[in-house]
């Protein structure tokens, strides 16, 4: 009788350890994407689009990033802009229907497609959010 309980225990161990190893590896992969997304000069693109939605961080989280959902034809593009506090310091705001031209890097971050804005033109105003290498001009402690 003890032989059958040993084989059941052995079978469970053979199933549990690979599953636990996979779960650990998956959580390590997800946690590796902490921090802001990285600008990639190789995927830089220029585009014109219309603001469809302005996604501001919740009150009290002004250090979080503003996302502009941009309509380009039938496509919606998520434009990763800058921290809300930096946008406020620049005295800039956006509304649905604003026409923008922008330069940015197409990246995948957390499973989503984003464009990291480097330069945005609104009317006669040009906003520089990143330098020519793609480094943010703001500090994350802002």
N, C-alpha and C. Protein backbone atom coordinates (compact mmCIF):
# COMPACT_ATOMS: atom_id res chain seq x y z
N UNK A 1 0.82 -1.19 0.00
CA UNK A 1 0.00 0.00 0.00
C UNK A 1 0.87 1.26 0.00
N UNK A 2 1.99 1.21 0.76
CA UNK A 2 2.84 2.39 0.81
C UNK A 2 3.48 2.66 -0.55
N UNK A 3 3.66 1.64 -1.38
CA UNK A 3 4.23 1.81 -2.71
C UNK A 3 3.36 2.68 -3.58
N UNK A 4 2.03 2.54 -3.50
CA UNK A 4 1.16 3.34 -4.34
C UNK A 4 1.12 4.79 -3.89
N UNK A 5 1.25 5.07 -2.57
CA UNK A 5 1.26 6.46 -2.12
C UNK A 5 2.59 7.12 -2.50
N UNK A 6 3.67 6.36 -2.53
CA UNK A 6 4.95 6.92 -2.96
C UNK A 6 4.90 7.29 -4.43
N UNK A 7 4.29 6.47 -5.25
CA UNK A 7 4.25 6.78 -6.68
C UNK A 7 3.32 7.97 -6.94
N UNK A 8 2.25 8.12 -6.18
CA UNK A 8 1.37 9.29 -6.32
C UNK A 8 2.12 10.55 -5.93
N UNK A 9 2.88 10.48 -4.85
CA UNK A 9 3.67 11.62 -4.39
C UNK A 9 4.74 11.98 -5.42
N UNK A 10 5.37 10.97 -5.97
CA UNK A 10 6.41 11.18 -6.98
C UNK A 10 5.81 11.82 -8.23
N UNK A 11 4.63 11.36 -8.61
CA UNK A 11 3.94 11.91 -9.78
C UNK A 11 3.60 13.38 -9.55
N UNK A 12 3.09 13.71 -8.37
CA UNK A 12 2.77 15.10 -8.05
C UNK A 12 4.00 15.98 -8.11
N UNK A 13 5.12 15.48 -7.58
CA UNK A 13 6.36 16.25 -7.62
C UNK A 13 6.80 16.51 -9.06
N UNK A 14 6.64 15.50 -9.92
CA UNK A 14 7.04 15.68 -11.32
C UNK A 14 6.16 16.71 -12.03
N UNK A 15 4.93 16.88 -11.61
CA UNK A 15 4.04 17.87 -12.21
C UNK A 15 4.23 19.23 -11.55
N UNK A 16 4.33 19.25 -10.22
CA UNK A 16 4.39 20.51 -9.49
C UNK A 16 5.65 21.31 -9.80
N UNK A 17 6.80 20.69 -9.80
CA UNK A 17 8.04 21.44 -9.98
C UNK A 17 8.17 22.12 -11.33
N UNK A 18 7.81 21.47 -12.44
CA UNK A 18 7.85 22.20 -13.72
C UNK A 18 6.86 23.37 -13.75
N UNK A 19 5.68 23.18 -13.16
CA UNK A 19 4.68 24.25 -13.13
C UNK A 19 5.20 25.41 -12.27
N UNK A 20 5.76 25.10 -11.12
CA UNK A 20 6.30 26.13 -10.23
C UNK A 20 7.46 26.86 -10.90
N UNK A 21 8.31 26.13 -11.61
CA UNK A 21 9.43 26.74 -12.31
C UNK A 21 8.93 27.68 -13.40
N UNK A 22 7.92 27.25 -14.16
CA UNK A 22 7.34 28.09 -15.20
C UNK A 22 6.75 29.37 -14.59
N UNK A 23 6.01 29.24 -13.49
CA UNK A 23 5.38 30.39 -12.84
C UNK A 23 6.44 31.37 -12.36
N UNK A 24 7.53 30.86 -11.80
CA UNK A 24 8.61 31.72 -11.32
C UNK A 24 9.26 32.45 -12.50
N UNK A 25 9.53 31.73 -13.57
CA UNK A 25 10.16 32.34 -14.75
C UNK A 25 9.25 33.42 -15.35
N UNK A 26 7.95 33.14 -15.41
CA UNK A 26 7.00 34.10 -15.96
C UNK A 26 6.95 35.37 -15.10
N UNK A 27 6.93 35.22 -13.77
CA UNK A 27 6.89 36.40 -12.90
C UNK A 27 8.19 37.20 -13.02
N UNK A 28 9.31 36.52 -13.20
CA UNK A 28 10.59 37.22 -13.38
C UNK A 28 10.57 38.01 -14.69
N UNK A 29 10.00 37.42 -15.73
CA UNK A 29 9.90 38.11 -17.02
C UNK A 29 9.03 39.36 -16.90
N UNK A 30 7.91 39.24 -16.23
CA UNK A 30 7.02 40.39 -16.06
C UNK A 30 7.67 41.48 -15.22
N UNK A 31 8.36 41.11 -14.17
CA UNK A 31 8.98 42.11 -13.31
C UNK A 31 10.18 42.75 -13.99
N UNK A 32 10.72 42.12 -15.03
CA UNK A 32 11.84 42.69 -15.77
C UNK A 32 11.40 43.94 -16.53
N UNK A 33 10.09 44.11 -16.77
CA UNK A 33 9.60 45.27 -17.48
C UNK A 33 9.18 46.38 -16.53
N UNK A 34 9.77 46.43 -15.36
CA UNK A 34 9.48 47.54 -14.48
C UNK A 34 10.27 48.74 -14.96
N UNK A 35 9.82 49.91 -14.61
CA UNK A 35 10.47 51.11 -15.10
C UNK A 35 9.86 51.54 -16.42
N UNK A 36 10.26 52.70 -16.89
CA UNK A 36 9.68 53.22 -18.11
C UNK A 36 10.15 52.46 -19.35
N UNK A 37 9.37 52.50 -20.42
CA UNK A 37 9.80 51.85 -21.67
C UNK A 37 11.01 52.58 -22.24
N UNK A 38 11.79 51.86 -23.04
CA UNK A 38 13.02 52.41 -23.62
C UNK A 38 12.80 52.87 -25.05
N UNK A 39 13.30 54.05 -25.36
CA UNK A 39 13.21 54.62 -26.70
C UNK A 39 14.15 53.85 -27.62
N UNK A 40 13.69 53.55 -28.83
CA UNK A 40 14.49 52.82 -29.81
C UNK A 40 14.57 53.67 -31.08
N UNK A 41 15.75 54.22 -31.36
CA UNK A 41 15.93 55.07 -32.54
C UNK A 41 15.63 54.33 -33.85
N UNK A 42 15.77 53.00 -33.84
CA UNK A 42 15.53 52.20 -35.05
C UNK A 42 14.05 52.12 -35.43
N UNK A 43 13.18 52.40 -34.47
CA UNK A 43 11.73 52.31 -34.76
C UNK A 43 11.10 53.71 -34.79
N UNK A 44 11.93 54.74 -34.92
CA UNK A 44 11.40 56.10 -34.91
C UNK A 44 10.55 56.35 -36.16
N UNK A 45 9.45 57.05 -35.96
CA UNK A 45 8.51 57.34 -37.03
C UNK A 45 7.95 58.75 -36.85
N UNK A 46 7.46 59.32 -37.95
CA UNK A 46 6.79 60.62 -37.91
C UNK A 46 5.35 60.39 -38.34
N UNK A 47 4.43 61.08 -37.69
CA UNK A 47 3.02 60.84 -37.96
C UNK A 47 2.21 62.11 -37.68
N UNK A 48 1.08 62.22 -38.34
CA UNK A 48 0.09 63.25 -38.02
C UNK A 48 -1.17 62.52 -37.61
N UNK A 49 -1.81 63.01 -36.56
CA UNK A 49 -3.02 62.36 -36.08
C UNK A 49 -3.83 63.35 -35.25
N UNK A 50 -5.04 62.95 -34.91
CA UNK A 50 -5.96 63.77 -34.14
C UNK A 50 -6.15 63.15 -32.76
N UNK A 51 -6.14 63.99 -31.72
CA UNK A 51 -6.37 63.49 -30.36
C UNK A 51 -7.79 62.95 -30.28
N UNK A 52 -7.90 61.68 -29.89
CA UNK A 52 -9.21 61.04 -29.72
C UNK A 52 -9.59 61.03 -28.24
N UNK A 53 -8.57 60.87 -27.38
CA UNK A 53 -8.81 60.83 -25.93
C UNK A 53 -7.53 61.20 -25.21
N UNK A 54 -7.67 61.94 -24.12
CA UNK A 54 -6.53 62.28 -23.26
C UNK A 54 -6.68 61.47 -21.99
N UNK A 55 -5.69 60.59 -21.73
CA UNK A 55 -5.73 59.75 -20.53
C UNK A 55 -4.76 60.32 -19.50
N UNK A 56 -5.33 61.02 -18.51
CA UNK A 56 -4.54 61.61 -17.45
C UNK A 56 -4.45 60.64 -16.27
N UNK A 57 -3.34 60.67 -15.54
CA UNK A 57 -3.25 59.81 -14.35
C UNK A 57 -4.22 60.32 -13.27
N UNK A 58 -4.61 59.44 -12.35
CA UNK A 58 -5.52 59.86 -11.28
C UNK A 58 -4.90 60.98 -10.42
N UNK A 59 -5.76 61.80 -9.84
CA UNK A 59 -5.31 62.88 -8.96
C UNK A 59 -4.39 62.31 -7.88
N UNK A 60 -3.29 62.99 -7.63
CA UNK A 60 -2.32 62.51 -6.65
C UNK A 60 -1.20 61.69 -7.28
N UNK A 61 -1.35 61.35 -8.55
CA UNK A 61 -0.32 60.57 -9.26
C UNK A 61 0.24 61.38 -10.43
N UNK A 62 0.51 62.66 -10.21
CA UNK A 62 0.95 63.55 -11.27
C UNK A 62 2.30 63.17 -11.86
N UNK A 63 3.04 62.28 -11.19
CA UNK A 63 4.32 61.82 -11.74
C UNK A 63 4.11 60.72 -12.78
N UNK A 64 2.88 60.20 -12.85
CA UNK A 64 2.56 59.18 -13.86
C UNK A 64 2.41 59.84 -15.23
N UNK A 65 2.53 59.02 -16.26
CA UNK A 65 2.58 59.51 -17.64
C UNK A 65 1.18 59.74 -18.22
N UNK A 66 1.08 60.79 -19.00
CA UNK A 66 -0.12 61.10 -19.78
C UNK A 66 -0.05 60.30 -21.07
N UNK A 67 -1.16 59.71 -21.45
CA UNK A 67 -1.27 58.99 -22.72
C UNK A 67 -2.27 59.74 -23.59
N UNK A 68 -1.89 59.99 -24.83
CA UNK A 68 -2.80 60.58 -25.79
C UNK A 68 -3.21 59.49 -26.77
N UNK A 69 -4.48 59.19 -26.81
CA UNK A 69 -4.99 58.20 -27.76
C UNK A 69 -5.25 58.97 -29.05
N UNK A 70 -4.43 58.67 -30.07
CA UNK A 70 -4.43 59.42 -31.32
C UNK A 70 -5.14 58.63 -32.42
N UNK A 71 -6.00 59.31 -33.14
CA UNK A 71 -6.72 58.67 -34.25
C UNK A 71 -5.99 59.00 -35.55
N UNK A 72 -5.56 57.94 -36.22
CA UNK A 72 -4.86 58.08 -37.49
C UNK A 72 -5.64 57.24 -38.50
N UNK A 73 -6.52 57.90 -39.25
CA UNK A 73 -7.44 57.16 -40.12
C UNK A 73 -8.39 56.38 -39.23
N UNK A 74 -8.42 55.07 -39.41
CA UNK A 74 -9.28 54.21 -38.57
C UNK A 74 -8.51 53.65 -37.37
N UNK A 75 -7.19 53.83 -37.36
CA UNK A 75 -6.35 53.29 -36.28
C UNK A 75 -6.29 54.23 -35.09
N UNK A 76 -6.20 53.63 -33.90
CA UNK A 76 -5.96 54.39 -32.68
C UNK A 76 -4.54 54.06 -32.22
N UNK A 77 -3.74 55.09 -32.00
CA UNK A 77 -2.36 54.94 -31.58
C UNK A 77 -2.22 55.50 -30.18
N UNK A 78 -1.55 54.74 -29.28
CA UNK A 78 -1.31 55.19 -27.91
C UNK A 78 0.01 55.96 -27.89
N UNK A 79 -0.07 57.29 -27.75
CA UNK A 79 1.11 58.14 -27.69
C UNK A 79 1.49 58.36 -26.23
N UNK A 80 2.59 57.75 -25.82
CA UNK A 80 3.13 57.85 -24.47
C UNK A 80 3.81 59.21 -24.40
N UNK A 81 3.23 60.13 -23.64
CA UNK A 81 3.64 61.52 -23.72
C UNK A 81 4.75 61.87 -22.72
N UNK A 82 4.40 62.24 -21.53
CA UNK A 82 5.37 62.59 -20.47
C UNK A 82 4.61 62.59 -19.14
N UNK A 83 5.33 62.69 -18.02
CA UNK A 83 4.61 62.78 -16.73
C UNK A 83 3.69 64.01 -16.70
N UNK A 84 2.55 63.85 -16.05
CA UNK A 84 1.56 64.93 -15.95
C UNK A 84 2.18 66.18 -15.33
N UNK A 85 3.02 66.01 -14.31
CA UNK A 85 3.64 67.16 -13.64
C UNK A 85 4.52 67.95 -14.62
N UNK A 86 5.23 67.25 -15.51
CA UNK A 86 6.08 67.93 -16.49
C UNK A 86 5.22 68.66 -17.52
N UNK A 87 4.13 68.04 -17.93
CA UNK A 87 3.21 68.67 -18.87
C UNK A 87 2.63 69.95 -18.25
N UNK A 88 2.27 69.89 -16.97
CA UNK A 88 1.73 71.06 -16.27
C UNK A 88 2.78 72.17 -16.21
N UNK A 89 4.05 71.79 -15.93
CA UNK A 89 5.12 72.79 -15.87
C UNK A 89 5.32 73.48 -17.21
N UNK A 90 5.11 72.75 -18.31
CA UNK A 90 5.25 73.33 -19.65
C UNK A 90 4.04 74.20 -20.00
N UNK A 91 2.96 74.07 -19.23
CA UNK A 91 1.75 74.85 -19.50
C UNK A 91 1.01 74.38 -20.75
N UNK A 92 1.06 73.07 -20.98
CA UNK A 92 0.45 72.49 -22.17
C UNK A 92 -0.77 71.67 -21.79
N UNK A 93 -1.78 71.71 -22.64
CA UNK A 93 -2.92 70.83 -22.45
C UNK A 93 -3.40 70.37 -23.83
N UNK A 94 -4.15 69.29 -23.82
CA UNK A 94 -4.67 68.74 -25.06
C UNK A 94 -6.15 68.45 -24.88
N UNK A 95 -6.87 68.47 -26.00
CA UNK A 95 -8.29 68.17 -25.99
C UNK A 95 -8.62 67.32 -27.20
N UNK A 96 -9.71 66.58 -27.10
CA UNK A 96 -10.17 65.78 -28.22
C UNK A 96 -10.34 66.69 -29.44
N UNK A 97 -9.81 66.22 -30.58
CA UNK A 97 -9.90 66.98 -31.82
C UNK A 97 -8.65 67.77 -32.15
N UNK A 98 -7.72 67.92 -31.20
CA UNK A 98 -6.46 68.63 -31.49
C UNK A 98 -5.69 67.86 -32.56
N UNK A 99 -5.20 68.59 -33.56
CA UNK A 99 -4.37 68.00 -34.61
C UNK A 99 -2.91 68.11 -34.17
N UNK A 100 -2.19 66.98 -34.18
CA UNK A 100 -0.79 66.97 -33.77
C UNK A 100 0.05 66.28 -34.83
N UNK A 101 1.28 66.75 -34.98
CA UNK A 101 2.30 66.05 -35.74
C UNK A 101 3.33 65.63 -34.70
N UNK A 102 3.82 64.41 -34.79
CA UNK A 102 4.77 63.98 -33.78
C UNK A 102 5.80 63.01 -34.33
N UNK A 103 6.92 63.00 -33.64
CA UNK A 103 8.00 62.06 -33.91
C UNK A 103 8.14 61.21 -32.67
N UNK A 104 8.23 59.89 -32.85
CA UNK A 104 8.35 59.01 -31.70
C UNK A 104 8.81 57.62 -32.10
N UNK A 105 9.05 56.82 -31.09
CA UNK A 105 9.55 55.46 -31.27
C UNK A 105 8.43 54.46 -31.01
N UNK A 106 8.21 53.56 -31.98
CA UNK A 106 7.22 52.49 -31.81
C UNK A 106 7.86 51.40 -30.95
N UNK A 107 7.23 51.10 -29.80
CA UNK A 107 7.75 50.06 -28.90
C UNK A 107 6.61 49.21 -28.38
N UNK A 108 6.97 48.02 -27.90
CA UNK A 108 6.02 47.17 -27.17
C UNK A 108 6.39 47.29 -25.70
N UNK A 109 5.38 47.49 -24.85
CA UNK A 109 5.64 47.63 -23.42
C UNK A 109 4.46 47.04 -22.66
N UNK A 110 4.75 46.05 -21.83
CA UNK A 110 3.69 45.40 -21.08
C UNK A 110 2.64 44.78 -21.98
N UNK A 111 3.05 44.32 -23.15
CA UNK A 111 2.13 43.69 -24.09
C UNK A 111 1.37 44.66 -24.97
N UNK A 112 1.56 45.97 -24.75
CA UNK A 112 0.83 46.97 -25.54
C UNK A 112 1.78 47.65 -26.53
N UNK A 113 1.22 48.12 -27.65
CA UNK A 113 1.98 48.90 -28.62
C UNK A 113 1.87 50.37 -28.24
N UNK A 114 3.01 51.04 -28.12
CA UNK A 114 3.05 52.45 -27.76
C UNK A 114 3.93 53.19 -28.75
N UNK A 115 3.74 54.50 -28.82
CA UNK A 115 4.71 55.36 -29.47
C UNK A 115 5.20 56.32 -28.39
N UNK A 116 6.50 56.28 -28.12
CA UNK A 116 7.10 57.18 -27.14
C UNK A 116 7.37 58.50 -27.83
N UNK A 117 6.67 59.54 -27.42
CA UNK A 117 6.80 60.84 -28.08
C UNK A 117 8.16 61.45 -27.79
N UNK A 118 8.81 61.92 -28.85
CA UNK A 118 10.08 62.66 -28.70
C UNK A 118 9.84 64.14 -28.96
N UNK A 119 9.07 64.44 -30.01
CA UNK A 119 8.76 65.82 -30.36
C UNK A 119 7.33 65.88 -30.85
N UNK A 120 6.59 66.87 -30.36
CA UNK A 120 5.18 67.01 -30.73
C UNK A 120 4.94 68.45 -31.18
N UNK A 121 4.27 68.60 -32.32
CA UNK A 121 3.94 69.92 -32.84
C UNK A 121 2.42 70.09 -32.76
N UNK A 122 2.03 71.15 -32.05
CA UNK A 122 0.61 71.51 -31.92
C UNK A 122 0.49 72.96 -32.39
N UNK A 123 -0.11 73.16 -33.56
CA UNK A 123 -0.19 74.51 -34.12
C UNK A 123 1.20 75.03 -34.42
N UNK A 124 1.55 76.17 -33.82
CA UNK A 124 2.89 76.74 -34.03
C UNK A 124 3.85 76.39 -32.88
N UNK A 125 3.37 75.58 -31.93
CA UNK A 125 4.21 75.19 -30.78
C UNK A 125 4.86 73.84 -31.00
N UNK A 126 6.16 73.76 -30.74
CA UNK A 126 6.88 72.49 -30.80
C UNK A 126 7.32 72.13 -29.39
N UNK A 127 6.91 70.95 -28.94
CA UNK A 127 7.27 70.47 -27.61
C UNK A 127 8.33 69.39 -27.75
N UNK A 128 9.47 69.60 -27.13
CA UNK A 128 10.54 68.60 -27.16
C UNK A 128 10.49 67.84 -25.84
N UNK A 129 10.20 66.54 -25.93
CA UNK A 129 10.06 65.70 -24.75
C UNK A 129 11.28 64.81 -24.52
N UNK A 130 12.02 64.55 -25.57
CA UNK A 130 13.21 63.70 -25.49
C UNK A 130 14.30 64.31 -26.36
N UNK A 131 15.55 64.03 -25.98
CA UNK A 131 16.66 64.54 -26.80
C UNK A 131 16.83 63.69 -28.05
N UNK A 132 17.84 64.00 -28.87
CA UNK A 132 18.01 63.30 -30.15
C UNK A 132 18.34 61.81 -29.99
N UNK A 133 18.75 61.40 -28.79
CA UNK A 133 19.00 59.97 -28.53
C UNK A 133 17.79 59.27 -27.92
N UNK A 134 16.73 60.04 -27.64
CA UNK A 134 15.52 59.46 -27.08
C UNK A 134 15.43 59.50 -25.57
N UNK A 135 16.39 60.16 -24.92
CA UNK A 135 16.36 60.27 -23.45
C UNK A 135 15.37 61.35 -23.04
N UNK A 136 14.54 61.07 -22.04
CA UNK A 136 13.56 62.08 -21.60
C UNK A 136 14.26 63.37 -21.14
N UNK A 137 13.65 64.51 -21.42
CA UNK A 137 14.20 65.78 -20.96
C UNK A 137 13.70 66.11 -19.56
N UNK A 138 12.78 65.31 -19.04
CA UNK A 138 12.30 65.49 -17.66
C UNK A 138 13.05 64.51 -16.76
N UNK A 139 12.96 64.75 -15.46
CA UNK A 139 13.50 63.77 -14.50
C UNK A 139 12.33 63.03 -13.91
N UNK A 140 12.50 61.75 -13.64
CA UNK A 140 11.41 60.94 -13.10
C UNK A 140 11.08 61.33 -11.67
N UNK A 141 11.96 62.08 -11.02
CA UNK A 141 11.67 62.53 -9.64
C UNK A 141 10.89 63.82 -9.65
N UNK A 142 10.60 64.34 -10.81
CA UNK A 142 9.95 65.64 -11.01
C UNK A 142 8.70 65.76 -10.19
